N, C-alpha and C. Protein backbone atom coordinates (compact mmCIF):
# COMPACT_ATOMS: atom_id res chain seq x y z
N MET A 1 93.24 48.85 24.47
CA MET A 1 93.24 49.19 25.87
C MET A 1 91.82 49.45 26.36
N VAL A 2 91.05 50.13 25.59
CA VAL A 2 89.67 50.42 25.96
C VAL A 2 88.86 49.13 25.98
N ARG A 3 89.14 48.24 25.04
CA ARG A 3 88.40 46.97 24.99
C ARG A 3 88.67 46.14 26.26
N ARG A 4 89.90 46.12 26.74
CA ARG A 4 90.20 45.38 27.96
C ARG A 4 89.42 45.95 29.15
N TRP A 5 89.37 47.25 29.22
CA TRP A 5 88.67 47.89 30.33
C TRP A 5 87.18 47.57 30.28
N ILE A 6 86.57 47.61 29.11
CA ILE A 6 85.16 47.29 28.95
C ILE A 6 84.93 45.82 29.28
N SER A 7 85.82 44.96 28.86
CA SER A 7 85.70 43.52 29.13
C SER A 7 85.77 43.26 30.62
N ARG A 8 86.67 43.88 31.34
CA ARG A 8 86.77 43.70 32.79
C ARG A 8 85.54 44.25 33.51
N THR A 9 85.02 45.35 33.07
CA THR A 9 83.84 45.94 33.69
C THR A 9 82.64 45.02 33.54
N ARG A 10 82.46 44.44 32.37
CA ARG A 10 81.34 43.51 32.15
C ARG A 10 81.51 42.27 33.02
N GLN A 11 82.73 41.79 33.16
CA GLN A 11 82.98 40.60 33.95
C GLN A 11 82.67 40.88 35.44
N LYS A 12 83.00 42.03 35.94
CA LYS A 12 82.70 42.38 37.33
C LYS A 12 81.20 42.47 37.53
N ARG A 13 80.48 43.03 36.59
CA ARG A 13 79.02 43.15 36.72
C ARG A 13 78.38 41.76 36.75
N ASN A 14 78.88 40.84 35.99
CA ASN A 14 78.31 39.50 35.93
C ASN A 14 78.59 38.70 37.20
N ASP A 15 79.66 38.97 37.91
CA ASP A 15 80.04 38.23 39.11
C ASP A 15 79.66 38.96 40.40
N SER A 16 78.88 39.99 40.33
CA SER A 16 78.63 40.81 41.52
C SER A 16 77.89 40.08 42.64
N GLY A 17 77.03 39.11 42.38
CA GLY A 17 76.31 38.38 43.42
C GLY A 17 76.97 37.09 43.86
N GLN A 18 78.02 36.71 43.19
CA GLN A 18 78.68 35.45 43.48
C GLN A 18 79.24 35.41 44.90
N THR A 19 79.84 36.47 45.35
CA THR A 19 80.44 36.52 46.69
C THR A 19 79.37 36.39 47.76
N LEU A 20 78.23 37.02 47.56
CA LEU A 20 77.15 36.94 48.52
C LEU A 20 76.61 35.51 48.64
N VAL A 21 76.44 34.83 47.53
CA VAL A 21 75.95 33.45 47.54
C VAL A 21 76.98 32.53 48.21
N GLU A 22 78.24 32.68 47.87
CA GLU A 22 79.28 31.85 48.49
C GLU A 22 79.35 32.09 50.00
N SER A 23 79.23 33.33 50.41
CA SER A 23 79.26 33.65 51.84
C SER A 23 78.07 33.03 52.56
N ALA A 24 76.90 33.09 51.96
CA ALA A 24 75.71 32.51 52.59
C ALA A 24 75.88 31.01 52.77
N ILE A 25 76.41 30.33 51.78
CA ILE A 25 76.62 28.88 51.88
C ILE A 25 77.66 28.57 52.96
N CYS A 26 78.74 29.31 52.98
CA CYS A 26 79.80 29.07 53.98
C CYS A 26 79.31 29.34 55.40
N PHE A 27 78.58 30.43 55.60
CA PHE A 27 78.08 30.75 56.93
C PHE A 27 77.06 29.71 57.41
N THR A 28 76.25 29.20 56.51
CA THR A 28 75.29 28.16 56.89
C THR A 28 76.01 26.91 57.38
N VAL A 29 76.98 26.46 56.64
CA VAL A 29 77.76 25.29 57.04
C VAL A 29 78.50 25.57 58.35
N PHE A 30 79.06 26.75 58.49
CA PHE A 30 79.79 27.12 59.70
C PHE A 30 78.88 27.09 60.93
N PHE A 31 77.68 27.68 60.82
CA PHE A 31 76.77 27.72 61.97
C PHE A 31 76.23 26.34 62.31
N VAL A 32 75.94 25.51 61.33
CA VAL A 32 75.50 24.14 61.61
C VAL A 32 76.62 23.39 62.33
N LEU A 33 77.84 23.58 61.92
CA LEU A 33 78.97 22.93 62.57
C LEU A 33 79.14 23.41 64.01
N ILE A 34 79.07 24.70 64.23
CA ILE A 34 79.22 25.26 65.58
C ILE A 34 78.10 24.78 66.50
N PHE A 35 76.85 24.83 66.03
CA PHE A 35 75.74 24.39 66.87
C PHE A 35 75.77 22.88 67.10
N GLY A 36 76.27 22.12 66.13
CA GLY A 36 76.45 20.69 66.32
C GLY A 36 77.48 20.39 67.39
N ILE A 37 78.54 21.15 67.40
CA ILE A 37 79.57 21.00 68.44
C ILE A 37 78.98 21.33 69.81
N MET A 38 78.14 22.36 69.87
CA MET A 38 77.50 22.71 71.14
C MET A 38 76.56 21.60 71.61
N ASP A 39 75.79 21.01 70.69
CA ASP A 39 74.90 19.91 71.06
C ASP A 39 75.68 18.71 71.59
N PHE A 40 76.73 18.31 70.89
CA PHE A 40 77.52 17.18 71.35
C PHE A 40 78.25 17.51 72.64
N GLY A 41 78.64 18.75 72.83
CA GLY A 41 79.24 19.16 74.10
C GLY A 41 78.27 18.98 75.26
N PHE A 42 77.00 19.37 75.05
CA PHE A 42 76.02 19.19 76.11
C PHE A 42 75.72 17.71 76.33
N LEU A 43 75.74 16.90 75.27
CA LEU A 43 75.54 15.46 75.41
C LEU A 43 76.61 14.86 76.33
N PHE A 44 77.86 15.21 76.09
CA PHE A 44 78.95 14.68 76.93
C PHE A 44 78.89 15.26 78.34
N TYR A 45 78.49 16.52 78.47
CA TYR A 45 78.30 17.12 79.80
C TYR A 45 77.24 16.34 80.57
N ALA A 46 76.13 16.02 79.91
CA ALA A 46 75.04 15.29 80.56
C ALA A 46 75.52 13.91 81.01
N LYS A 47 76.26 13.24 80.15
CA LYS A 47 76.72 11.88 80.49
C LYS A 47 77.70 11.91 81.67
N VAL A 48 78.64 12.82 81.65
CA VAL A 48 79.63 12.90 82.73
C VAL A 48 78.96 13.33 84.05
N THR A 49 78.03 14.27 83.98
CA THR A 49 77.34 14.73 85.18
C THR A 49 76.51 13.61 85.80
N LEU A 50 75.79 12.88 84.97
CA LEU A 50 74.98 11.79 85.48
C LEU A 50 75.84 10.66 86.03
N GLN A 51 76.96 10.38 85.38
CA GLN A 51 77.87 9.35 85.90
C GLN A 51 78.42 9.76 87.26
N ASN A 52 78.75 11.02 87.42
CA ASN A 52 79.22 11.52 88.71
C ASN A 52 78.14 11.39 89.77
N ALA A 53 76.89 11.69 89.43
CA ALA A 53 75.79 11.57 90.39
C ALA A 53 75.60 10.13 90.84
N VAL A 54 75.68 9.19 89.91
CA VAL A 54 75.52 7.78 90.26
C VAL A 54 76.68 7.31 91.13
N ARG A 55 77.89 7.71 90.81
CA ARG A 55 79.05 7.32 91.64
C ARG A 55 78.98 7.91 93.04
N THR A 56 78.52 9.16 93.13
CA THR A 56 78.38 9.79 94.44
C THR A 56 77.35 9.06 95.28
N ALA A 57 76.23 8.68 94.67
CA ALA A 57 75.20 7.92 95.39
C ALA A 57 75.75 6.56 95.82
N ALA A 58 76.55 5.94 94.97
CA ALA A 58 77.13 4.64 95.32
C ALA A 58 78.10 4.78 96.49
N ARG A 59 78.93 5.82 96.49
CA ARG A 59 79.86 6.02 97.61
C ARG A 59 79.11 6.23 98.92
N TYR A 60 77.98 6.93 98.83
CA TYR A 60 77.18 7.17 100.03
C TYR A 60 76.49 5.89 100.48
N ALA A 61 76.02 5.09 99.52
CA ALA A 61 75.21 3.91 99.85
C ALA A 61 76.01 2.77 100.44
N ILE A 62 77.27 2.63 100.11
CA ILE A 62 78.03 1.47 100.59
C ILE A 62 78.19 1.46 102.11
N THR A 63 78.00 2.61 102.73
CA THR A 63 78.18 2.68 104.18
C THR A 63 77.00 2.12 104.96
N GLY A 64 75.84 1.97 104.31
CA GLY A 64 74.65 1.48 104.99
C GLY A 64 73.86 2.57 105.67
N ASN A 65 74.28 3.82 105.49
CA ASN A 65 73.58 4.94 106.11
C ASN A 65 72.44 5.43 105.23
N CYS A 66 71.63 6.32 105.80
CA CYS A 66 70.55 6.94 105.05
C CYS A 66 70.31 8.34 105.60
N SER A 67 69.33 9.03 105.04
CA SER A 67 69.06 10.41 105.46
C SER A 67 68.05 10.52 106.59
N ASP A 68 67.57 9.41 107.08
CA ASP A 68 66.57 9.43 108.15
C ASP A 68 67.25 9.89 109.45
N PRO A 69 66.77 10.98 110.05
CA PRO A 69 67.41 11.48 111.28
C PRO A 69 67.27 10.51 112.46
N MET A 70 66.28 9.64 112.40
CA MET A 70 66.06 8.67 113.48
C MET A 70 66.89 7.40 113.28
N GLY A 71 67.54 7.27 112.10
CA GLY A 71 68.37 6.11 111.84
C GLY A 71 67.59 4.88 111.38
N ASN A 72 66.35 5.06 110.95
CA ASN A 72 65.54 3.94 110.48
C ASN A 72 65.80 3.70 108.99
N CYS A 73 67.00 3.25 108.69
CA CYS A 73 67.42 3.09 107.30
C CYS A 73 66.83 1.85 106.64
N PHE A 74 66.37 0.91 107.42
CA PHE A 74 65.93 -0.37 106.86
C PHE A 74 64.43 -0.56 106.96
N THR A 75 63.70 0.51 107.18
CA THR A 75 62.24 0.41 107.20
C THR A 75 61.69 0.95 105.90
N GLY A 76 60.42 0.85 105.70
CA GLY A 76 59.79 1.35 104.47
C GLY A 76 59.48 2.83 104.52
N GLY A 77 60.13 3.58 105.40
CA GLY A 77 59.86 5.01 105.53
C GLY A 77 60.33 5.81 104.32
N SER A 78 60.05 7.09 104.33
CA SER A 78 60.35 7.93 103.17
C SER A 78 61.84 8.21 103.02
N MET A 79 62.65 8.07 104.06
CA MET A 79 64.08 8.35 103.97
C MET A 79 64.92 7.10 104.21
N ASN A 80 64.43 5.93 103.79
CA ASN A 80 65.20 4.70 103.95
C ASN A 80 66.39 4.71 102.99
N ARG A 81 67.18 3.64 102.99
CA ARG A 81 68.39 3.60 102.16
C ARG A 81 68.08 3.76 100.69
N TYR A 82 67.09 3.05 100.18
CA TYR A 82 66.75 3.12 98.76
C TYR A 82 66.38 4.55 98.36
N ASN A 83 65.47 5.16 99.10
CA ASN A 83 65.04 6.53 98.76
C ASN A 83 66.17 7.53 98.91
N THR A 84 67.08 7.30 99.87
CA THR A 84 68.24 8.18 100.03
C THR A 84 69.16 8.08 98.82
N ILE A 85 69.36 6.87 98.30
CA ILE A 85 70.20 6.68 97.11
C ILE A 85 69.59 7.40 95.91
N VAL A 86 68.29 7.22 95.70
CA VAL A 86 67.60 7.88 94.58
C VAL A 86 67.68 9.40 94.73
N GLN A 87 67.47 9.91 95.94
CA GLN A 87 67.53 11.35 96.18
C GLN A 87 68.94 11.89 95.93
N THR A 88 69.97 11.13 96.29
CA THR A 88 71.35 11.56 96.06
C THR A 88 71.64 11.67 94.56
N VAL A 89 71.17 10.70 93.78
CA VAL A 89 71.36 10.78 92.32
C VAL A 89 70.67 12.01 91.77
N GLN A 90 69.44 12.27 92.21
CA GLN A 90 68.70 13.44 91.72
C GLN A 90 69.38 14.74 92.14
N THR A 91 69.91 14.79 93.33
CA THR A 91 70.56 16.01 93.83
C THR A 91 71.83 16.32 93.04
N TYR A 92 72.66 15.32 92.79
CA TYR A 92 73.94 15.54 92.13
C TYR A 92 73.86 15.56 90.61
N SER A 93 72.68 15.34 90.04
CA SER A 93 72.58 15.38 88.58
C SER A 93 72.36 16.79 88.06
N PHE A 94 72.21 17.77 88.94
CA PHE A 94 72.09 19.19 88.62
C PHE A 94 71.06 19.44 87.52
N ALA A 95 71.46 19.93 86.37
CA ALA A 95 70.54 20.30 85.29
C ALA A 95 70.24 19.14 84.35
N VAL A 96 70.59 17.93 84.74
CA VAL A 96 70.39 16.75 83.89
C VAL A 96 69.48 15.78 84.64
N PRO A 97 68.17 16.02 84.63
CA PRO A 97 67.28 15.14 85.40
C PRO A 97 67.17 13.77 84.75
N PRO A 98 67.49 12.70 85.50
CA PRO A 98 67.40 11.36 84.92
C PRO A 98 65.94 10.97 84.69
N THR A 99 65.70 10.21 83.63
CA THR A 99 64.33 9.76 83.34
C THR A 99 63.97 8.55 84.19
N ALA A 100 64.95 7.77 84.61
CA ALA A 100 64.70 6.61 85.48
C ALA A 100 65.94 6.33 86.31
N ILE A 101 65.73 5.91 87.55
CA ILE A 101 66.82 5.52 88.46
C ILE A 101 66.47 4.14 89.02
N ARG A 102 67.42 3.22 88.91
CA ARG A 102 67.20 1.87 89.41
C ARG A 102 68.29 1.49 90.40
N VAL A 103 67.88 0.90 91.50
CA VAL A 103 68.81 0.36 92.50
C VAL A 103 68.49 -1.12 92.61
N THR A 104 69.47 -1.97 92.29
CA THR A 104 69.22 -3.40 92.21
C THR A 104 70.28 -4.16 93.00
N CYS A 105 69.85 -5.10 93.80
CA CYS A 105 70.77 -5.99 94.50
C CYS A 105 71.12 -7.12 93.54
N ILE A 106 72.41 -7.24 93.17
CA ILE A 106 72.84 -8.21 92.17
C ILE A 106 73.20 -9.55 92.80
N SER A 107 73.97 -9.51 93.88
CA SER A 107 74.36 -10.77 94.51
C SER A 107 74.51 -10.56 96.01
N GLY A 108 74.39 -11.66 96.72
CA GLY A 108 74.43 -11.62 98.17
C GLY A 108 73.09 -12.08 98.71
N SER A 109 72.84 -11.79 99.97
CA SER A 109 71.58 -12.24 100.57
C SER A 109 70.40 -11.38 100.14
N CYS A 110 70.64 -10.13 99.75
CA CYS A 110 69.59 -9.20 99.31
C CYS A 110 68.36 -9.28 100.22
N PRO A 111 68.53 -8.96 101.51
CA PRO A 111 67.44 -9.15 102.47
C PRO A 111 66.22 -8.28 102.16
N SER A 112 65.08 -8.76 102.58
CA SER A 112 63.84 -8.05 102.29
C SER A 112 63.74 -6.73 103.05
N TYR A 113 64.47 -6.58 104.16
CA TYR A 113 64.40 -5.33 104.90
C TYR A 113 65.09 -4.18 104.16
N SER A 114 65.81 -4.47 103.08
CA SER A 114 66.53 -3.42 102.35
C SER A 114 65.76 -2.90 101.14
N ASN A 115 64.52 -3.32 100.96
CA ASN A 115 63.79 -2.81 99.80
C ASN A 115 63.22 -1.44 100.11
N CYS A 116 62.54 -0.88 99.15
CA CYS A 116 62.09 0.51 99.29
C CYS A 116 60.66 0.63 99.77
N GLY A 117 60.06 -0.42 100.21
CA GLY A 117 58.68 -0.35 100.69
C GLY A 117 57.71 -0.90 99.66
N GLN A 118 56.46 -0.59 99.83
CA GLN A 118 55.44 -1.16 98.97
C GLN A 118 55.30 -0.45 97.63
N ASN A 119 55.92 0.68 97.42
CA ASN A 119 55.71 1.45 96.19
C ASN A 119 56.69 1.13 95.07
N CYS A 120 57.72 0.34 95.31
CA CYS A 120 58.67 0.06 94.24
C CYS A 120 59.30 -1.32 94.44
N THR A 121 60.15 -1.70 93.51
CA THR A 121 60.72 -3.05 93.54
C THR A 121 62.23 -3.05 93.74
N GLY A 122 62.84 -1.92 94.01
CA GLY A 122 64.28 -1.86 94.19
C GLY A 122 64.73 -2.46 95.51
N ASN A 123 66.02 -2.75 95.60
CA ASN A 123 66.58 -3.32 96.82
C ASN A 123 67.98 -2.76 96.99
N ALA A 124 68.21 -2.06 98.11
CA ALA A 124 69.51 -1.44 98.38
C ALA A 124 70.48 -2.40 99.03
N GLY A 125 70.09 -3.64 99.26
CA GLY A 125 71.00 -4.65 99.76
C GLY A 125 71.34 -4.51 101.23
N GLY A 126 71.91 -5.58 101.74
CA GLY A 126 72.34 -5.61 103.13
C GLY A 126 73.85 -5.59 103.20
N PRO A 127 74.41 -5.96 104.35
CA PRO A 127 75.86 -5.96 104.52
C PRO A 127 76.54 -6.91 103.52
N SER A 128 77.57 -6.44 102.87
CA SER A 128 78.40 -7.19 101.91
C SER A 128 77.67 -7.65 100.65
N ASP A 129 76.51 -7.09 100.35
CA ASP A 129 75.80 -7.41 99.10
C ASP A 129 76.35 -6.55 97.97
N THR A 130 76.29 -7.07 96.74
CA THR A 130 76.71 -6.30 95.57
C THR A 130 75.48 -5.60 94.99
N ILE A 131 75.60 -4.30 94.81
CA ILE A 131 74.48 -3.45 94.39
C ILE A 131 74.85 -2.72 93.11
N MET A 132 73.85 -2.48 92.26
CA MET A 132 74.06 -1.67 91.05
C MET A 132 73.07 -0.52 91.06
N ILE A 133 73.58 0.67 90.84
CA ILE A 133 72.74 1.86 90.68
C ILE A 133 72.85 2.27 89.22
N ALA A 134 71.72 2.43 88.55
CA ALA A 134 71.71 2.83 87.14
C ALA A 134 70.74 3.99 86.96
N ALA A 135 71.09 4.89 86.05
CA ALA A 135 70.24 6.03 85.73
C ALA A 135 70.17 6.20 84.21
N ASP A 136 68.98 6.47 83.71
CA ASP A 136 68.76 6.70 82.28
C ASP A 136 68.54 8.18 82.04
N TYR A 137 68.93 8.63 80.86
CA TYR A 137 68.69 10.02 80.45
C TYR A 137 68.42 10.04 78.95
N THR A 138 67.43 10.80 78.56
CA THR A 138 67.12 10.97 77.13
C THR A 138 67.56 12.35 76.72
N PHE A 139 68.51 12.40 75.80
CA PHE A 139 69.06 13.67 75.30
C PHE A 139 68.34 14.06 74.02
N ASN A 140 67.80 15.26 73.99
CA ASN A 140 67.16 15.80 72.80
C ASN A 140 67.99 16.97 72.30
N PRO A 141 68.67 16.80 71.18
CA PRO A 141 69.52 17.89 70.68
C PRO A 141 68.69 19.13 70.37
N ILE A 142 69.21 20.27 70.76
CA ILE A 142 68.47 21.51 70.60
C ILE A 142 68.60 22.04 69.17
N PHE A 143 69.80 22.24 68.72
CA PHE A 143 70.01 22.89 67.43
C PHE A 143 69.94 21.91 66.27
N ILE A 144 70.71 20.88 66.34
CA ILE A 144 70.78 19.93 65.23
C ILE A 144 69.44 19.22 65.07
N GLY A 145 68.77 18.89 66.17
CA GLY A 145 67.48 18.22 66.09
C GLY A 145 66.44 19.07 65.38
N SER A 146 66.45 20.38 65.60
CA SER A 146 65.48 21.24 64.94
C SER A 146 65.83 21.45 63.47
N ILE A 147 67.11 21.46 63.15
CA ILE A 147 67.51 21.63 61.74
C ILE A 147 67.18 20.37 60.95
N MET A 148 67.47 19.21 61.53
CA MET A 148 67.24 17.95 60.83
C MET A 148 65.80 17.48 60.94
N GLN A 149 64.97 18.12 61.75
CA GLN A 149 63.55 17.82 61.92
C GLN A 149 63.30 16.35 62.25
N GLY A 150 64.01 15.86 63.26
CA GLY A 150 63.78 14.51 63.72
C GLY A 150 64.44 13.44 62.88
N LYS A 151 65.26 13.79 61.91
CA LYS A 151 65.90 12.81 61.05
C LYS A 151 67.31 12.48 61.53
N TRP A 152 67.67 12.97 62.71
CA TRP A 152 69.00 12.77 63.27
C TRP A 152 69.19 11.30 63.58
N VAL A 153 70.32 10.75 63.26
CA VAL A 153 70.61 9.35 63.55
C VAL A 153 70.74 9.22 65.05
N SER A 154 69.93 8.37 65.63
CA SER A 154 69.91 8.28 67.09
C SER A 154 70.38 6.92 67.55
N GLY A 155 70.72 6.87 68.83
CA GLY A 155 71.16 5.62 69.43
C GLY A 155 69.96 4.75 69.75
N ASN A 156 69.52 4.78 70.99
CA ASN A 156 68.40 3.95 71.42
C ASN A 156 67.09 4.72 71.42
N GLY A 157 67.14 6.01 71.18
CA GLY A 157 65.94 6.82 71.24
C GLY A 157 65.19 6.83 69.93
N SER A 158 64.25 7.73 69.84
CA SER A 158 63.50 7.88 68.61
C SER A 158 63.24 9.36 68.39
N ASN A 159 62.83 9.71 67.19
CA ASN A 159 62.52 11.10 66.84
C ASN A 159 63.69 12.04 67.10
N GLY A 160 64.88 11.61 66.82
CA GLY A 160 66.03 12.48 66.96
C GLY A 160 66.59 12.57 68.37
N SER A 161 66.12 11.74 69.29
CA SER A 161 66.64 11.77 70.65
C SER A 161 67.67 10.65 70.83
N TYR A 162 68.45 10.77 71.88
CA TYR A 162 69.47 9.77 72.17
C TYR A 162 69.36 9.40 73.64
N MET A 163 69.11 8.14 73.94
CA MET A 163 68.99 7.69 75.32
C MET A 163 70.25 6.93 75.74
N PHE A 164 70.76 7.26 76.91
CA PHE A 164 71.91 6.51 77.41
C PHE A 164 71.69 6.17 78.87
N THR A 165 72.42 5.16 79.33
CA THR A 165 72.34 4.69 80.71
C THR A 165 73.73 4.71 81.30
N VAL A 166 73.83 5.20 82.52
CA VAL A 166 75.09 5.14 83.27
C VAL A 166 74.83 4.32 84.52
N SER A 167 75.87 3.62 84.99
CA SER A 167 75.66 2.79 86.17
C SER A 167 76.94 2.68 86.98
N ALA A 168 76.77 2.28 88.22
CA ALA A 168 77.89 2.02 89.12
C ALA A 168 77.54 0.77 89.93
N THR A 169 78.48 -0.14 90.00
CA THR A 169 78.29 -1.37 90.77
C THR A 169 79.28 -1.35 91.93
N PHE A 170 78.81 -1.75 93.11
CA PHE A 170 79.66 -1.68 94.28
C PHE A 170 79.26 -2.78 95.26
N LYS A 171 80.13 -3.02 96.21
CA LYS A 171 79.85 -3.98 97.27
C LYS A 171 79.70 -3.21 98.58
N ASN A 172 78.58 -3.42 99.24
CA ASN A 172 78.34 -2.75 100.52
C ASN A 172 79.40 -3.13 101.54
N GLU A 173 79.71 -2.20 102.41
CA GLU A 173 80.60 -2.50 103.53
C GLU A 173 79.87 -3.46 104.47
N PRO A 174 80.60 -4.15 105.32
CA PRO A 174 79.93 -5.06 106.25
C PRO A 174 79.33 -4.28 107.44
N PHE A 175 78.38 -3.41 107.17
CA PHE A 175 77.75 -2.62 108.23
C PHE A 175 76.83 -3.53 109.06
N PRO A 176 76.54 -3.14 110.29
CA PRO A 176 75.69 -4.00 111.13
C PRO A 176 74.27 -4.04 110.59
N PRO A 177 73.67 -5.21 110.50
CA PRO A 177 72.28 -5.30 110.05
C PRO A 177 71.34 -4.70 111.09
N PRO A 178 70.14 -4.37 110.68
CA PRO A 178 69.20 -3.76 111.65
C PRO A 178 68.81 -4.76 112.73
N SER A 179 68.52 -4.23 113.90
CA SER A 179 68.04 -5.11 114.98
C SER A 179 66.55 -5.31 114.80
N SER A 180 66.11 -6.56 114.89
CA SER A 180 64.69 -6.84 114.68
C SER A 180 63.98 -7.04 115.99
């Protein structure tokens, strides 16, 4: 009886740090998993938010209107149709600033009066033209990227980042063209 008690006591002394080591390993895996879920959650939040911003800009753009109070939507001014579309995407993207926004006339007459002026090459199209609005965003994971030190498998990005593009294609309403 005494031998069993001594044997059990020695066994407990030998295993005293085992629980601490197992707990440390489990908690590490648990926290990496939780922070990974948070990173992917923000990735999907960014994609959905940016897609909503592009769709909102497209809904606004098909009408042929702009933010210019004087109604000069087809001139090279600062609030023409192109600049209004870009501003709408930036406004509705909230905490997800796009790295690039493109407005392209895909088909139709794509008149020269619908471009954005001398500073860019976009074209917001004229009446009944098909237009595409696209926005790029580069996602840099906060937790997983720092743990993996840039070794994270990425899509189109580099150094642990992930770049994605969202777009919306639409056909302009047959709004009246500008009077020349």
